[in-house]
C-alpha atoms as a PDB file:
ATOM      1  CA  MET A   1      15.410  84.281-195.751  1.00  0.00           C
ATOM      2  CA  ASP A   2      15.427  87.010-193.304  1.00  0.00           C
ATOM      3  CA  LYS A   3      19.200  88.051-192.604  1.00  0.00           C
ATOM      4  CA  PRO A   4      20.489  88.182-189.151  1.00  0.00           C
ATOM      5  CA  SER A   5      21.229  91.136-187.266  1.00  0.00           C
ATOM      6  CA  SER A   6      24.539  92.408-187.662  1.00  0.00           C
ATOM      7  CA  ARG A   7      25.756  91.386-184.349  1.00  0.00           C
ATOM      8  CA  ASP A   8      23.858  87.986-184.058  1.00  0.00           C
ATOM      9  CA  LEU A   9      27.326  85.616-185.346  1.00  0.00           C
ATOM     10  CA  ALA A  10      25.509  82.634-184.527  1.00  0.00           C
ATOM     11  CA  ALA A  11      22.353  82.897-186.854  1.00  0.00           C
ATOM     12  CA  HIS A  12      24.943  84.801-189.428  1.00  0.00           C
ATOM     13  CA  HIS A  13      26.947  80.860-189.409  1.00  0.00           C
ATOM     14  CA  ARG A  14      23.579  79.174-189.408  1.00  0.00           C
ATOM     15  CA  ILE A  15      22.287  80.932-192.528  1.00  0.00           C
ATOM     16  CA  ARG A  16      26.180  80.960-193.845  1.00  0.00           C
ATOM     17  CA  ASP A  17      25.894  76.480-193.871  1.00  0.00           C
ATOM     18  CA  SER A  18      22.736  76.952-194.615  1.00  0.00           C
ATOM     19  CA  VAL A  19      23.594  78.625-198.055  1.00  0.00           C
ATOM     20  CA  ASN A  20      26.953  76.635-198.555  1.00  0.00           C
ATOM     21  CA  ARG A  21      24.311  72.944-198.319  1.00  0.00           C
ATOM     22  CA  GLU A  22      22.205  74.284-201.075  1.00  0.00           C
ATOM     23  CA  ALA A  23      25.290  75.234-203.377  1.00  0.00           C
ATOM     24  CA  ARG A  24      26.899  71.934-203.052  1.00  0.00           C
ATOM     25  CA  GLN A  25      23.337  70.444-203.256  1.00  0.00           C
ATOM     26  CA  GLU A  26      22.965  72.363-206.903  1.00  0.00           C
ATOM     27  CA  LEU A  27      26.214  71.447-207.967  1.00  0.00           C
ATOM     28  CA  ALA A  28      25.928  67.811-207.347  1.00  0.00           C
ATOM     29  CA  ALA A  29      22.959  67.621-209.214  1.00  0.00           C
ATOM     30  CA  ARG A  30      24.376  69.331-212.039  1.00  0.00           C
ATOM     31  CA  GLY A  31      27.079  67.203-211.832  1.00  0.00           C
ATOM     32  CA  ARG A  32      29.398  69.617-211.280  1.00  0.00           C
ATOM     33  CA  GLY A  33      32.390  68.332-208.812  1.00  0.00           C
ATOM     34  CA  LEU A  34      33.401  70.364-205.430  1.00  0.00           C
ATOM     35  CA  ALA A  35      33.897  73.780-205.505  1.00  0.00           C
ATOM     36  CA  LEU A  36      37.896  75.139-204.399  1.00  0.00           C
ATOM     37  CA  CYS A  37      37.866  76.307-200.605  1.00  0.00           C
ATOM     38  CA  LYS A  38      38.700  79.665-200.384  1.00  0.00           C
ATOM     39  CA  PHE A  39      39.767  79.795-197.152  1.00  0.00           C
ATOM     40  CA  TRP A  40      42.319  76.680-197.884  1.00  0.00           C
ATOM     41  CA  SER A  41      43.306  78.628-200.962  1.00  0.00           C
ATOM     42  CA  SER A  42      44.088  81.661-199.226  1.00  0.00           C
ATOM     43  CA  GLY A  43      47.077  80.628-197.854  1.00  0.00           C
ATOM     44  CA  ALA A  44      48.969  77.970-195.696  1.00  0.00           C
ATOM     45  CA  PRO A  45      46.118  74.825-195.918  1.00  0.00           C
ATOM     46  CA  SER A  46      47.256  73.721-192.065  1.00  0.00           C
ATOM     47  CA  GLU A  47      46.090  77.572-190.889  1.00  0.00           C
ATOM     48  CA  SER A  48      43.528  78.776-193.438  1.00  0.00           C
ATOM     49  CA  CYS A  49      40.806  76.533-193.075  1.00  0.00           C
ATOM     50  CA  ARG A  50      39.150  75.818-189.680  1.00  0.00           C
ATOM     51  CA  GLU A  51      37.413  72.661-190.933  1.00  0.00           C
ATOM     52  CA  GLY A  52      40.328  70.761-191.497  1.00  0.00           C
ATOM     53  CA  ASP A  53      39.830  67.530-192.948  1.00  0.00           C
ATOM     54  CA  LEU A  54      35.787  67.945-192.467  1.00  0.00           C
ATOM     55  CA  CYS A  55      35.749  70.606-194.550  1.00  0.00           C
ATOM     56  CA  SER A  56      33.082  70.171-197.502  1.00  0.00           C
ATOM     57  CA  PHE A  57      34.845  72.097-199.915  1.00  0.00           C
ATOM     58  CA  ARG A  58      38.229  70.506-202.169  1.00  0.00           C
ATOM     59  CA  HIS A  59      41.658  71.008-200.063  1.00  0.00           C
ATOM     60  CA  PHE A  60      43.426  70.539-203.747  1.00  0.00           C
ATOM     61  CA  TYR A  61      43.887  72.257-207.086  1.00  0.00           C
ATOM     62  CA  GLU A  62      42.125  70.318-210.319  1.00  0.00           C
ATOM     63  CA  SER A  63      45.200  72.463-212.570  1.00  0.00           C
ATOM     64  CA  ALA A  64      48.565  74.191-212.843  1.00  0.00           C
ATOM     65  CA  GLU A  65      45.951  77.676-214.115  1.00  0.00           C
ATOM     66  CA  GLU A  66      43.742  77.273-211.086  1.00  0.00           C
ATOM     67  CA  GLU A  67      46.586  77.412-208.536  1.00  0.00           C
ATOM     68  CA  ALA A  68      48.449  80.008-210.887  1.00  0.00           C
ATOM     69  CA  ARG A  69      45.248  81.796-210.324  1.00  0.00           C
ATOM     70  CA  ALA A  70      44.885  81.453-206.769  1.00  0.00           C
ATOM     71  CA  ALA A  71      48.668  82.403-205.796  1.00  0.00           C
ATOM     72  CA  ALA A  72      48.174  85.614-207.956  1.00  0.00           C
ATOM     73  CA  LYS A  73      45.230  86.587-205.748  1.00  0.00           C
ATOM     74  CA  ARG A  74      47.372  85.521-203.003  1.00  0.00           C
ATOM     75  CA  ALA A  75      50.066  87.967-204.389  1.00  0.00           C
ATOM     76  CA  ALA A  76      47.241  90.619-204.833  1.00  0.00           C
ATOM     77  CA  LYS A  77      46.154  91.109-201.310  1.00  0.00           C
ATOM     78  CA  GLN A  78      49.484  90.991-199.475  1.00  0.00           C
ATOM     79  CA  CYS A  79      50.422  93.539-201.601  1.00  0.00           C
ATOM     80  CA  SER A  80      47.555  95.692-200.589  1.00  0.00           C
ATOM     81  CA  ARG A  81      47.893  94.879-196.873  1.00  0.00           C
ATOM     82  CA  GLU A  82      51.450  96.277-197.771  1.00  0.00           C
ATOM     83  CA  ILE A  83      50.343  99.709-199.311  1.00  0.00           C
ATOM     84  CA  SER A  84      47.790 100.425-196.822  1.00  0.00           C
ATOM     85  CA  LYS A  85      50.708  99.766-194.006  1.00  0.00           C
ATOM     86  CA  GLN A  86      52.983 102.265-196.348  1.00  0.00           C
ATOM     87  CA  GLU A  87      49.799 104.676-195.984  1.00  0.00           C
ATOM     88  CA  LEU A  88      49.455 104.985-193.027  1.00  0.00           C
ATOM     89  CA  VAL A  89      52.883 106.888-192.374  1.00  0.00           C
ATOM     90  CA  ALA A  90      51.068 109.722-194.921  1.00  0.00           C
ATOM     91  CA  TYR A  91      49.089 110.173-192.027  1.00  0.00           C
ATOM     92  CA  GLU A  92      50.087 113.339-189.509  1.00  0.00           C
ATOM     93  CA  GLU A  93      52.679 111.701-186.758  1.00  0.00           C
ATOM     94  CA  VAL A  94      51.326 112.269-183.142  1.00  0.00           C
ATOM     95  CA  GLY A  95      54.099 112.538-180.324  1.00  0.00           C
ATOM     96  CA  GLU A  96      54.491 110.397-177.437  1.00  0.00           C
ATOM     97  CA  ASP A  97      53.637 112.789-174.735  1.00  0.00           C
ATOM     98  CA  GLN A  98      50.309 113.410-176.717  1.00  0.00           C
ATOM     99  CA  ALA A  99      49.464 110.247-178.683  1.00  0.00           C
ATOM    100  CA  ILE A 100      46.401 108.154-177.795  1.00  0.00           C
ATOM    101  CA  HIS A 101      47.196 104.220-178.865  1.00  0.00           C
ATOM    102  CA  GLY A 102      44.995 101.834-180.623  1.00  0.00           C
ATOM    103  CA  ASP A 103      44.356  99.372-178.050  1.00  0.00           C
ATOM    104  CA  LYS A 104      40.872  98.362-176.502  1.00  0.00           C
ATOM    105  CA  GLN A 105      40.577 100.929-173.716  1.00  0.00           C
ATOM    106  CA  SER A 106      41.713 103.831-175.373  1.00  0.00           C
ATOM    107  CA  LYS A 107      38.243 103.523-177.082  1.00  0.00           C
ATOM    108  CA  LYS A 108      37.025 106.731-174.949  1.00  0.00           C
ATOM    109  CA  LEU A 109      40.135 108.504-175.169  1.00  0.00           C
ATOM    110  CA  ARG A 110      39.820 108.779-179.035  1.00  0.00           C
ATOM    111  CA  ALA A 111      36.149 109.280-178.979  1.00  0.00           C
ATOM    112  CA  ALA A 112      36.612 112.481-175.992  1.00  0.00           C
ATOM    113  CA  CYS A 113      39.623 113.879-178.689  1.00  0.00           C
ATOM    114  CA  PHE A 114      36.893 112.966-181.401  1.00  0.00           C
ATOM    115  CA  ALA A 115      34.002 115.161-179.082  1.00  0.00           C
ATOM    116  CA  LEU A 116      36.892 118.509-178.642  1.00  0.00           C
ATOM    117  CA  TRP A 117      38.025 118.501-182.038  1.00  0.00           C
ATOM    118  CA  LEU A 118      33.995 118.864-183.220  1.00  0.00           C
ATOM    119  CA  ILE A 119      33.740 121.624-180.402  1.00  0.00           C
ATOM    120  CA  GLN A 120      36.851 123.450-181.773  1.00  0.00           C
ATOM    121  CA  GLN A 121      36.217 123.033-184.897  1.00  0.00           C
ATOM    122  CA  TYR A 122      32.048 124.015-185.148  1.00  0.00           C
ATOM    123  CA  GLY A 123      31.541 125.327-181.762  1.00  0.00           C
ATOM    124  CA  ARG A 124      29.121 123.972-178.596  1.00  0.00           C
ATOM    125  CA  GLU A 125      26.248 126.342-180.001  1.00  0.00           C
ATOM    126  CA  ALA A 126      26.497 125.273-183.288  1.00  0.00           C
ATOM    127  CA  LEU A 127      26.467 121.792-182.384  1.00  0.00           C
ATOM    128  CA  SER A 128      23.614 122.129-179.491  1.00  0.00           C
ATOM    129  CA  ALA A 129      21.261 123.743-183.015  1.00  0.00           C
ATOM    130  CA  GLY A 130      18.218 121.741-184.409  1.00  0.00           C
ATOM    131  CA  ALA A 131      18.210 118.014-183.502  1.00  0.00           C
ATOM    132  CA  GLY A 132      21.891 118.141-182.247  1.00  0.00           C
ATOM    133  CA  VAL A 133      24.543 115.531-183.668  1.00  0.00           C
ATOM    134  CA  LEU A 134      23.972 112.270-185.005  1.00  0.00           C
ATOM    135  CA  ASP A 135      26.856 109.970-183.692  1.00  0.00           C
ATOM    136  CA  VAL A 136      26.071 107.243-186.621  1.00  0.00           C
ATOM    137  CA  ALA A 137      27.874 103.451-186.102  1.00  0.00           C
ATOM    138  CA  GLY A 138      29.120 104.508-182.508  1.00  0.00           C
ATOM    139  CA  GLY A 139      28.951 101.309-181.280  1.00  0.00           C
ATOM    140  CA  GLN A 140      29.253 101.499-177.771  1.00  0.00           C
ATOM    141  CA  GLY A 141      27.871 105.152-177.486  1.00  0.00           C
ATOM    142  CA  ASP A 142      31.748 106.679-176.271  1.00  0.00           C
ATOM    143  CA  LEU A 143      31.370 109.729-178.633  1.00  0.00           C
ATOM    144  CA  SER A 144      27.577 110.422-177.695  1.00  0.00           C
ATOM    145  CA  TRP A 145      28.081 110.002-174.238  1.00  0.00           C
ATOM    146  CA  SER A 146      30.920 112.691-174.343  1.00  0.00           C
ATOM    147  CA  LEU A 147      29.185 115.193-176.601  1.00  0.00           C
ATOM    148  CA  SER A 148      25.886 114.769-174.220  1.00  0.00           C
ATOM    149  CA  VAL A 149      27.228 114.594-170.830  1.00  0.00           C
ATOM    150  CA  ASP A 150      30.607 115.560-170.888  1.00  0.00           C
ATOM    151  CA  PHE A 151      29.507 118.993-173.250  1.00  0.00           C
ATOM    152  CA  GLY A 152      25.788 119.071-173.060  1.00  0.00           C
ATOM    153  CA  ILE A 153      25.138 118.762-176.785  1.00  0.00           C
ATOM    154  CA  PRO A 154      22.141 117.133-177.827  1.00  0.00           C
ATOM    155  CA  CYS A 155      23.143 113.472-179.473  1.00  0.00           C
ATOM    156  CA  THR A 156      21.438 110.401-180.934  1.00  0.00           C
ATOM    157  CA  LEU A 157      23.149 107.372-180.907  1.00  0.00           C
ATOM    158  CA  VAL A 158      21.978 105.853-184.533  1.00  0.00           C
ATOM    159  CA  ASP A 159      23.452 102.099-184.399  1.00  0.00           C
ATOM    160  CA  PRO A 160      21.359  99.105-185.228  1.00  0.00           C
ATOM    161  CA  GLY A 161      23.398  96.915-182.016  1.00  0.00           C
ATOM    162  CA  LEU A 162      20.970  97.125-179.002  1.00  0.00           C
ATOM    163  CA  ARG A 163      23.582  96.412-175.830  1.00  0.00           C
ATOM    164  CA  ARG A 164      22.264  95.460-172.726  1.00  0.00           C
ATOM    165  CA  GLY A 165      18.405  95.620-174.027  1.00  0.00           C
ATOM    166  CA  GLY A 166      19.080  99.269-174.790  1.00  0.00           C
ATOM    167  CA  GLN A 167      20.686  99.961-171.351  1.00  0.00           C
ATOM    168  CA  LEU A 168      23.471 102.028-170.255  1.00  0.00           C
ATOM    169  CA  LYS A 169      25.904 101.007-168.021  1.00  0.00           C
ATOM    170  CA  SER A 170      25.464 100.633-164.245  1.00  0.00           C
ATOM    171  CA  TRP A 171      27.859 103.317-163.785  1.00  0.00           C
ATOM    172  CA  GLN A 172      26.912 105.949-166.456  1.00  0.00           C
ATOM    173  CA  ARG A 173      22.982 105.534-164.949  1.00  0.00           C
ATOM    174  CA  ARG A 174      24.724 106.313-161.377  1.00  0.00           C
ATOM    175  CA  ALA A 175      25.958 109.257-163.777  1.00  0.00           C
ATOM    176  CA  LEU A 176      23.271 110.480-164.971  1.00  0.00           C
ATOM    177  CA  ARG A 177      21.604 110.330-161.748  1.00  0.00           C
ATOM    178  CA  LYS A 178      23.867 112.215-160.224  1.00  0.00           C
ATOM    179  CA  SER A 179      24.185 115.176-162.830  1.00  0.00           C
ATOM    180  CA  GLY A 180      20.487 114.989-163.912  1.00  0.00           C
ATOM    181  CA  ASN A 181      21.507 114.702-167.457  1.00  0.00           C
ATOM    182  CA  ALA A 182      19.186 113.227-170.154  1.00  0.00           C
ATOM    183  CA  GLY A 183      22.112 111.717-171.601  1.00  0.00           C
ATOM    184  CA  PHE A 184      22.144 110.688-175.241  1.00  0.00           C
ATOM    185  CA  ALA A 185      19.173 109.059-177.125  1.00  0.00           C
ATOM    186  CA  HIS A 186      19.581 105.757-179.141  1.00  0.00           C
ATOM    187  CA  LEU A 187      18.217 104.817-182.368  1.00  0.00           C
ATOM    188  CA  PRO A 188      18.542 101.199-183.147  1.00  0.00           C
ATOM    189  CA  VAL A 189      18.433 101.088-187.084  1.00  0.00           C
ATOM    190  CA  GLU A 190      20.915 101.390-189.136  1.00  0.00           C
ATOM    191  CA  PHE A 191      21.813 104.633-191.566  1.00  0.00           C
ATOM    192  CA  SER A 192      20.730 104.244-194.903  1.00  0.00           C
ATOM    193  CA  GLU A 193      18.825 105.798-197.457  1.00  0.00           C
ATOM    194  CA  LYS A 194      15.875 103.154-196.077  1.00  0.00           C
ATOM    195  CA  TYR A 195      15.611 105.369-193.409  1.00  0.00           C
ATOM    196  CA  PHE A 196      16.998 108.750-193.440  1.00  0.00           C
ATOM    197  CA  GLY A 197      16.282 109.680-197.262  1.00  0.00           C
ATOM    198  CA  PRO A 198      16.385 112.873-198.270  1.00  0.00           C
ATOM    199  CA  THR A 199      12.880 114.492-198.121  1.00  0.00           C
ATOM    200  CA  ALA A 200      11.314 115.795-201.146  1.00  0.00           C
ATOM    201  CA  ASP A 201      12.392 119.449-200.704  1.00  0.00           C
ATOM    202  CA  ALA A 202      16.056 118.302-200.300  1.00  0.00           C
ATOM    203  CA  LEU A 203      16.329 117.256-203.258  1.00  0.00           C
ATOM    204  CA  PRO A 204      17.973 118.867-206.106  1.00  0.00           C
ATOM    205  CA  ALA A 205      16.044 120.767-208.528  1.00  0.00           C
ATOM    206  CA  GLU A 206      16.605 119.093-211.444  1.00  0.00           C
ATOM    207  CA  ALA A 207      14.685 115.799-209.335  1.00  0.00           C
ATOM    208  CA  ALA A 208      11.547 118.468-208.954  1.00  0.00           C
ATOM    209  CA  GLU A 209      10.054 116.737-211.895  1.00  0.00           C
ATOM    210  CA  LEU A 210      10.216 113.504-210.809  1.00  0.00           C
ATOM    211  CA  PRO A 211       7.945 111.686-209.134  1.00  0.00           C
ATOM    212  CA  PRO A 212       8.802 112.334-204.998  1.00  0.00           C
ATOM    213  CA  PRO A 213      10.683 109.176-203.129  1.00  0.00           C
ATOM    214  CA  PRO A 214       8.885 107.122-200.605  1.00  0.00           C
ATOM    215  CA  PRO A 215       8.972 108.642-197.148  1.00  0.00           C
ATOM    216  CA  SER A 216      11.492 108.011-195.020  1.00  0.00           C
ATOM    217  CA  PRO A 217      10.549 107.522-191.070  1.00  0.00           C
ATOM    218  CA  HIS A 218      13.972 109.444-189.968  1.00  0.00           C
ATOM    219  CA  ALA A 219      14.302 111.309-192.796  1.00  0.00           C
ATOM    220  CA  GLU A 220      13.214 114.860-190.313  1.00  0.00           C
ATOM    221  CA  LEU A 221      15.847 113.769-188.096  1.00  0.00           C
ATOM    222  CA  LEU A 222      18.416 113.932-190.158  1.00  0.00           C
ATOM    223  CA  ARG A 223      17.075 117.395-191.823  1.00  0.00           C
ATOM    224  CA  THR A 224      17.117 119.046-188.788  1.00  0.00           C
ATOM    225  CA  ALA A 225      20.609 117.818-187.492  1.00  0.00           C
ATOM    226  CA  SER A 226      23.152 120.160-186.810  1.00  0.00           C
ATOM    227  CA  ILE A 227      25.755 117.815-188.035  1.00  0.00           C
ATOM    228  CA  VAL A 228      26.318 113.684-188.721  1.00  0.00           C
ATOM    229  CA  VAL A 229      29.776 112.594-187.238  1.00  0.00           C
ATOM    230  CA  GLY A 230      31.425 108.817-187.450  1.00  0.00           C
ATOM    231  CA  LEU A 231      33.972 107.570-185.489  1.00  0.00           C
ATOM    232  CA  HIS A 232      35.516 104.555-187.552  1.00  0.00           C
ATOM    233  CA  PRO A 233      31.951 103.405-189.330  1.00  0.00           C
ATOM    234  CA  ASP A 234      33.182 101.094-190.962  1.00  0.00           C
ATOM    235  CA  GLU A 235      30.159 100.579-193.777  1.00  0.00           C
ATOM    236  CA  ALA A 236      28.285 103.255-193.119  1.00  0.00           C
ATOM    237  CA  THR A 237      31.338 105.706-193.911  1.00  0.00           C
ATOM    238  CA  GLU A 238      30.168 106.530-197.128  1.00  0.00           C
ATOM    239  CA  PHE A 239      26.067 106.718-196.391  1.00  0.00           C
ATOM    240  CA  ILE A 240      27.014 109.525-193.856  1.00  0.00           C
ATOM    241  CA  VAL A 241      28.742 111.535-196.850  1.00  0.00           C
ATOM    242  CA  ASP A 242      26.071 110.735-199.401  1.00  0.00           C
ATOM    243  CA  LEU A 243      23.199 111.301-197.048  1.00  0.00           C
ATOM    244  CA  ALA A 244      24.812 114.265-195.145  1.00  0.00           C
ATOM    245  CA  LEU A 245      25.437 116.059-198.932  1.00  0.00           C
ATOM    246  CA  ALA A 246      21.929 115.430-200.264  1.00  0.00           C
ATOM    247  CA  CYS A 247      20.416 116.973-196.886  1.00  0.00           C
ATOM    248  CA  SER A 248      22.542 119.769-197.581  1.00  0.00           C
ATOM    249  CA  ARG A 249      23.864 118.953-193.876  1.00  0.00           C
ATOM    250  CA  ARG A 250      27.415 119.426-192.796  1.00  0.00           C
ATOM    251  CA  PHE A 251      29.277 115.901-191.703  1.00  0.00           C
ATOM    252  CA  ALA A 252      32.978 115.000-190.118  1.00  0.00           C
ATOM    253  CA  VAL A 253      33.622 111.009-190.223  1.00  0.00           C
ATOM    254  CA  VAL A 254      36.944 109.567-189.775  1.00  0.00           C
ATOM    255  CA  PRO A 255      37.000 106.586-192.143  1.00  0.00           C
ATOM    256  CA  CYS A 256      38.678 102.988-190.658  1.00  0.00           C
ATOM    257  CA  CYS A 257      37.795 100.157-193.118  1.00  0.00           C
ATOM    258  CA  VAL A 258      37.546 100.068-196.968  1.00  0.00           C
ATOM    259  CA  PHE A 259      35.602  96.785-197.663  1.00  0.00           C
ATOM    260  CA  ALA A 260      36.824  96.584-200.574  1.00  0.00           C
ATOM    261  CA  SER A 261      35.233  93.269-201.585  1.00  0.00           C
ATOM    262  CA  LYS A 262      32.205  94.510-200.627  1.00  0.00           C
ATOM    263  CA  PHE A 263      32.146  97.601-202.512  1.00  0.00           C
ATOM    264  CA  SER A 264      33.977  96.494-205.487  1.00  0.00           C
ATOM    265  CA  ASP A 265      32.823  98.866-207.597  1.00  0.00           C
ATOM    266  CA  ARG A 266      33.990 101.783-205.830  1.00  0.00           C
ATOM    267  CA  GLN A 267      36.823 103.627-208.243  1.00  0.00           C
ATOM    268  CA  LEU A 268      39.217 106.949-208.142  1.00  0.00           C
ATOM    269  CA  SER A 269      38.455 109.492-211.040  1.00  0.00           C
ATOM    270  CA  SER A 270      41.391 107.754-212.927  1.00  0.00           C
ATOM    271  CA  GLY A 271      39.587 104.604-212.780  1.00  0.00           C
ATOM    272  CA  VAL A 272      41.517 102.652-210.457  1.00  0.00           C
ATOM    273  CA  PRO A 273      39.651 100.238-207.798  1.00  0.00           C
ATOM    274  CA  VAL A 274      39.369 101.786-204.222  1.00  0.00           C
ATOM    275  CA  ARG A 275      41.495  99.076-202.216  1.00  0.00           C
ATOM    276  CA  THR A 276      43.325 101.231-199.583  1.00  0.00           C
ATOM    277  CA  LEU A 277      42.527 103.688-197.161  1.00  0.00           C
ATOM    278  CA  ASN A 278      43.954 106.537-198.190  1.00  0.00           C
ATOM    279  CA  GLN A 279      42.194 105.613-202.246  1.00  0.00           C
ATOM    280  CA  PHE A 280      38.962 105.742-199.644  1.00  0.00           C
ATOM    281  CA  CYS A 281      39.695 108.890-198.389  1.00  0.00           C
ATOM    282  CA  SER A 282      40.371 110.691-201.974  1.00  0.00           C
ATOM    283  CA  TYR A 283      37.305 108.714-203.355  1.00  0.00           C
ATOM    284  CA  LEU A 284      35.002 110.457-200.734  1.00  0.00           C
ATOM    285  CA  GLN A 285      36.357 113.884-201.247  1.00  0.00           C
ATOM    286  CA  ALA A 286      35.903 113.691-204.966  1.00  0.00           C
ATOM    287  CA  LYS A 287      32.231 113.730-204.202  1.00  0.00           C
ATOM    288  CA  ASP A 288      32.459 117.463-203.155  1.00  0.00           C
ATOM    289  CA  ASP A 289      35.166 120.151-203.521  1.00  0.00           C
ATOM    290  CA  ARG A 290      34.343 121.831-200.021  1.00  0.00           C
ATOM    291  CA  ILE A 291      35.187 118.661-198.218  1.00  0.00           C
ATOM    292  CA  GLN A 292      38.482 119.188-196.363  1.00  0.00           C
ATOM    293  CA  THR A 293      40.500 116.995-194.076  1.00  0.00           C
ATOM    294  CA  ALA A 294      42.046 117.598-190.686  1.00  0.00           C
ATOM    295  CA  PHE A 295      44.003 114.825-187.839  1.00  0.00           C
ATOM    296  CA  LEU A 296      42.828 113.959-184.597  1.00  0.00           C
ATOM    297  CA  GLY A 297      45.742 114.038-182.005  1.00  0.00           C
ATOM    298  CA  PHE A 298      45.762 109.449-181.489  1.00  0.00           C
ATOM    299  CA  GLU A 299      47.596 107.008-183.362  1.00  0.00           C
ATOM    300  CA  GLY A 300      46.679 105.148-186.559  1.00  0.00           C
ATOM    301  CA  ARG A 301      43.307 106.412-188.361  1.00  0.00           C
ATOM    302  CA  ASN A 302      43.088 109.635-187.353  1.00  0.00           C
ATOM    303  CA  LYS A 303      42.263 112.263-190.950  1.00  0.00           C
ATOM    304  CA  VAL A 304      39.255 113.481-190.452  1.00  0.00           C
ATOM    305  CA  LEU A 305      36.939 113.901-193.538  1.00  0.00           C
ATOM    306  CA  HIS A 306      34.551 117.370-192.759  1.00  0.00           C
ATOM    307  CA  MET A 307      32.477 119.979-193.948  1.00  0.00           C
ATOM    308  CA  PRO A 308      32.917 123.525-192.656  1.00  0.00           C
END
């Protein structure tokens, strides 16, 4: 079954329901009872499962052991949330007169703040070299807009989401017509090895005897980019670091979410699973001792991991 676009929620829900139905049918065929509802068992029964009495899964525990396991999972999740809150204190505090707060309206301001930091750190000329900046998982393109329109730096937004058929907002189109600026390019694909995998000449010397990897359609774009950046790029965060290192490209990424369940194989050198934001940053930094950190001028997840 084909996977839907990451932003096609209706298709995602249809596939999810179909998989659930098939699982229930298989369990019934094996003579096994209904599985425990993971939403119901994750918290208060009246709040956790939106299906309520219509839910096709079990809203009761079959044994004290099963109830104890569910309680242990809830406690572990709550502990992880508390640790994450405490770890945010380790981030540099921003004065109230300079802070950009984390509401929806501030996204553009955060992007502008990051753009200014990139220019101060690397210089406009260096950022404009080659294919320019690759802005990975940039969503609406606020960072790409700031870099390309406000500062004239070539920028390509790499994000599989297509909004408004790939068209800019009306005010953006008017601004480009008035300024004569071409704006930024949009490449609607995911940032992964499948599309941006390193070319043979970018691989380490010890891989020379191995068969060459299949060509990736956008490997040349990555190879000629001046830098790869990501402002809260979610699942793409580690791909930015890995592919940039593989292709000897500079990068600057502002991690946001850990996705501990999805990437459960991540571990620190001590063997501790990566569950919190600061653990994730430490995990990424351990990939190369040249990776440095800095902090942006807004509250919340403002730590930048970058290759100088």
